[in-house]
N, C-alpha and C. Protein backbone atom coordinates (compact mmCIF):
# COMPACT_ATOMS: atom_id res chain seq x y z
N MET A 1 10.53 -13.91 0.23
CA MET A 1 9.16 -12.85 0.15
C MET A 1 9.15 -12.28 1.63
N LYS A 2 9.17 -11.04 1.78
CA LYS A 2 9.07 -10.35 3.12
C LYS A 2 7.71 -10.41 3.65
N PRO A 3 7.78 -11.05 5.01
CA PRO A 3 6.46 -11.19 5.60
C PRO A 3 5.75 -10.04 6.24
N LEU A 4 4.30 -9.99 6.17
CA LEU A 4 3.63 -8.75 6.41
C LEU A 4 2.64 -8.61 7.37
N LYS A 5 2.73 -7.59 8.34
CA LYS A 5 1.51 -7.58 9.48
C LYS A 5 0.71 -6.06 9.02
N GLU A 6 -0.17 -6.22 8.98
CA GLU A 6 -0.88 -4.86 8.78
C GLU A 6 -0.58 -3.62 9.79
N ILE A 7 -0.81 -4.12 11.17
CA ILE A 7 -0.28 -2.96 11.93
C ILE A 7 0.99 -2.54 12.09
N LEU A 8 2.17 -3.21 11.52
CA LEU A 8 3.32 -2.68 11.68
C LEU A 8 3.43 -1.60 10.33
N LEU A 9 2.75 -1.76 9.21
CA LEU A 9 2.49 -1.15 8.07
C LEU A 9 1.88 0.19 8.65
N ILE A 10 0.96 0.29 9.27
CA ILE A 10 0.11 1.26 9.82
C ILE A 10 1.24 1.97 10.74
N LYS A 11 1.97 1.66 11.41
CA LYS A 11 2.77 2.27 12.23
C LYS A 11 4.24 2.86 11.59
N ASP A 12 4.49 2.48 10.26
CA ASP A 12 5.71 2.66 9.82
C ASP A 12 5.39 4.03 9.07
N ALA A 13 6.27 5.02 9.53
CA ALA A 13 5.95 6.29 8.98
C ALA A 13 6.62 6.63 7.51
N THR A 14 7.51 5.59 7.00
CA THR A 14 7.97 5.81 5.82
C THR A 14 6.96 5.26 4.72
N ILE A 15 5.63 4.80 4.96
CA ILE A 15 4.69 4.33 4.11
C ILE A 15 3.60 5.56 4.32
N ASN A 16 3.21 6.08 3.09
CA ASN A 16 2.25 6.84 3.35
C ASN A 16 1.02 6.15 3.09
N LYS A 17 -0.11 6.47 3.86
CA LYS A 17 -1.28 5.73 4.07
C LYS A 17 -2.34 6.69 4.26
N VAL A 18 -3.69 6.34 4.03
CA VAL A 18 -4.79 6.95 4.43
C VAL A 18 -5.95 6.03 4.74
N GLN A 19 -6.62 6.42 5.77
CA GLN A 19 -7.78 5.58 6.16
C GLN A 19 -9.13 6.30 5.59
N PHE A 20 -9.67 5.24 4.74
CA PHE A 20 -10.98 5.54 3.89
C PHE A 20 -12.20 4.50 4.34
N ASP A 21 -13.57 5.02 4.72
CA ASP A 21 -14.27 3.79 5.06
C ASP A 21 -13.85 2.67 5.97
N LYS A 22 -13.17 3.12 7.10
CA LYS A 22 -12.54 2.38 8.50
C LYS A 22 -11.63 1.20 7.71
N GLU A 23 -11.24 1.42 6.62
CA GLU A 23 -10.03 0.65 5.89
C GLU A 23 -8.82 1.36 5.43
N TRP A 24 -7.56 0.78 5.90
CA TRP A 24 -6.37 1.48 5.31
C TRP A 24 -6.02 1.43 4.05
N PHE A 25 -5.64 2.38 3.30
CA PHE A 25 -5.15 2.10 2.11
C PHE A 25 -3.44 2.64 1.99
N PHE A 26 -2.51 1.87 1.39
CA PHE A 26 -1.20 2.21 1.31
C PHE A 26 -0.99 2.61 0.22
N SER A 27 0.31 3.43 0.05
CA SER A 27 0.56 4.00 -1.38
C SER A 27 1.41 2.92 -1.98
N LEU A 28 0.79 2.61 -3.07
CA LEU A 28 1.34 1.43 -4.05
C LEU A 28 2.77 1.63 -4.15
N GLU A 29 3.08 2.80 -4.63
CA GLU A 29 4.74 3.01 -4.93
C GLU A 29 5.57 2.84 -3.52
N ASP A 30 4.90 3.34 -2.27
CA ASP A 30 6.02 3.06 -1.24
C ASP A 30 5.93 1.63 -0.60
N MET A 31 4.72 1.15 -0.93
CA MET A 31 5.03 -0.26 -0.54
C MET A 31 5.63 -1.21 -1.63
N ALA A 32 5.74 -1.06 -2.70
CA ALA A 32 6.72 -1.37 -3.79
C ALA A 32 8.30 -1.37 -3.30
N PHE A 33 8.43 0.16 -2.97
CA PHE A 33 9.77 0.05 -2.63
C PHE A 33 10.09 -0.52 -1.14
N TYR A 34 9.19 -0.31 -0.10
CA TYR A 34 9.24 -1.16 1.27
C TYR A 34 9.67 -2.63 1.07
N LEU A 35 8.68 -3.53 0.11
CA LEU A 35 8.72 -4.79 -0.02
C LEU A 35 10.10 -5.42 -1.25
N LYS A 36 10.90 -4.18 -1.69
CA LYS A 36 11.26 -4.29 -3.04
C LYS A 36 11.03 -5.28 -3.79
N GLU A 37 9.73 -5.28 -4.06
CA GLU A 37 9.15 -6.33 -5.02
C GLU A 37 8.55 -5.33 -6.17
N ASP A 38 7.70 -5.90 -7.28
CA ASP A 38 7.15 -5.56 -8.43
C ASP A 38 5.83 -5.97 -8.19
N LEU A 39 5.07 -4.78 -7.98
CA LEU A 39 3.65 -4.67 -7.23
C LEU A 39 2.97 -4.43 -8.37
N SER A 40 3.23 -4.44 -9.43
CA SER A 40 2.35 -4.00 -10.67
C SER A 40 0.93 -4.67 -10.90
N GLU A 41 1.10 -6.05 -10.45
CA GLU A 41 -0.23 -6.66 -10.41
C GLU A 41 -1.33 -6.50 -9.30
N VAL A 42 -0.74 -5.57 -8.53
CA VAL A 42 -1.69 -5.43 -7.41
C VAL A 42 -3.09 -4.59 -7.91
N GLU A 43 -4.17 -4.82 -7.26
CA GLU A 43 -5.46 -3.96 -7.80
C GLU A 43 -5.09 -2.81 -7.00
N PHE A 44 -5.73 -1.61 -7.33
CA PHE A 44 -5.41 -0.17 -6.56
C PHE A 44 -6.76 0.65 -7.04
N VAL A 45 -6.65 1.48 -6.37
CA VAL A 45 -7.66 2.77 -6.59
C VAL A 45 -6.87 4.23 -6.06
N TYR A 46 -7.36 5.11 -6.62
CA TYR A 46 -6.70 6.46 -6.53
C TYR A 46 -7.62 7.21 -5.26
N LEU A 47 -6.65 7.32 -4.62
CA LEU A 47 -7.28 8.40 -3.19
C LEU A 47 -6.45 9.54 -2.92
N PRO A 48 -7.04 10.48 -2.57
CA PRO A 48 -6.48 11.66 -2.06
C PRO A 48 -5.50 11.20 -0.88
N MET A 49 -4.71 11.85 -0.81
CA MET A 49 -3.48 11.46 0.14
C MET A 49 -2.55 12.91 0.72
N LEU A 50 -2.27 13.29 1.83
CA LEU A 50 -1.42 14.13 2.05
C LEU A 50 0.19 13.60 2.23
N ILE A 51 0.91 14.01 1.57
CA ILE A 51 1.88 13.87 1.33
C ILE A 51 3.05 15.15 1.51
N ASP A 52 4.20 15.24 2.71
CA ASP A 52 4.89 16.09 2.61
C ASP A 52 3.95 17.49 2.48
N GLY A 53 2.67 17.54 3.31
CA GLY A 53 2.02 19.02 3.59
C GLY A 53 1.28 19.22 2.15
N GLU A 54 1.19 18.31 0.83
CA GLU A 54 0.50 18.41 -0.09
C GLU A 54 -0.27 17.46 -0.53
N ARG A 55 -1.53 17.96 -0.78
CA ARG A 55 -2.53 16.77 -1.26
C ARG A 55 -2.29 16.36 -2.58
N GLU A 56 -2.14 14.98 -2.81
CA GLU A 56 -1.90 14.43 -4.03
C GLU A 56 -2.95 13.20 -4.18
N ILE A 57 -3.07 12.88 -5.76
CA ILE A 57 -3.92 11.79 -5.78
C ILE A 57 -3.03 10.49 -6.14
N VAL A 58 -3.20 9.69 -5.42
CA VAL A 58 -2.18 8.37 -5.61
C VAL A 58 -2.75 7.06 -5.46
N LYS A 59 -2.12 6.24 -6.60
CA LYS A 59 -2.49 4.94 -6.49
C LYS A 59 -2.35 4.20 -5.19
N CYS A 60 -3.34 3.45 -4.61
CA CYS A 60 -3.27 3.08 -3.13
C CYS A 60 -3.91 1.54 -3.37
N CYS A 61 -3.65 0.66 -2.36
CA CYS A 61 -4.07 -0.61 -2.27
C CYS A 61 -4.22 -0.90 -0.75
N SER A 62 -5.13 -1.65 -0.76
CA SER A 62 -5.46 -1.96 0.85
C SER A 62 -4.50 -3.27 0.91
N PHE A 63 -4.65 -3.69 2.10
CA PHE A 63 -3.58 -4.88 2.79
C PHE A 63 -3.84 -6.11 2.17
N GLU A 64 -5.19 -6.40 1.82
CA GLU A 64 -5.71 -7.46 1.45
C GLU A 64 -5.62 -7.81 -0.23
N ASP A 65 -5.39 -6.25 -0.87
CA ASP A 65 -5.04 -6.47 -2.13
C ASP A 65 -3.71 -6.79 -2.31
N ILE A 66 -2.70 -6.13 -1.49
CA ILE A 66 -1.20 -6.49 -1.53
C ILE A 66 -1.24 -7.66 -1.32
N LEU A 67 -1.74 -8.69 -0.39
CA LEU A 67 -1.60 -10.31 -0.26
C LEU A 67 -2.10 -10.80 -1.02
N ARG A 68 -3.06 -10.58 -1.93
CA ARG A 68 -3.67 -11.27 -2.96
C ARG A 68 -2.98 -11.21 -4.24
N GLY A 69 -2.23 -9.84 -4.39
CA GLY A 69 -1.07 -9.83 -5.54
C GLY A 69 -0.10 -10.46 -5.53
N ARG A 70 0.34 -10.40 -4.36
CA ARG A 70 1.64 -10.83 -4.00
C ARG A 70 1.51 -12.83 -4.00
N LYS A 71 0.17 -12.97 -3.64
CA LYS A 71 0.18 -14.51 -3.75
C LYS A 71 -0.06 -14.88 -5.23
N GLU A 72 -0.74 -14.30 -6.03
CA GLU A 72 -1.02 -14.45 -7.19
C GLU A 72 0.66 -14.48 -8.14
N LEU A 73 1.46 -13.56 -7.71
CA LEU A 73 2.59 -13.41 -8.29
C LEU A 73 3.54 -14.89 -8.05
N THR A 74 3.23 -15.39 -6.98
CA THR A 74 3.99 -16.57 -6.54
C THR A 74 3.56 -17.72 -7.10
N GLU A 75 2.31 -18.02 -7.57
CA GLU A 75 1.64 -18.98 -7.85
C GLU A 75 1.98 -19.38 -9.49
């Protein structure tokens, strides 16, 4: 399993993200591609995000949601 650091994910330009209520949310699709893992069990919310100059509603998850979902998958 690839180790994660939130600060590195925030700096990574290949992962679409949005800050909402002082918390970062990452595109679930981008995170699954980045980690090369199935993240279908990770809890998510739909948030508006600017992707390639267009506003889209995207499945997003927080850093904690990703960690919790990955932990549950390995147990």
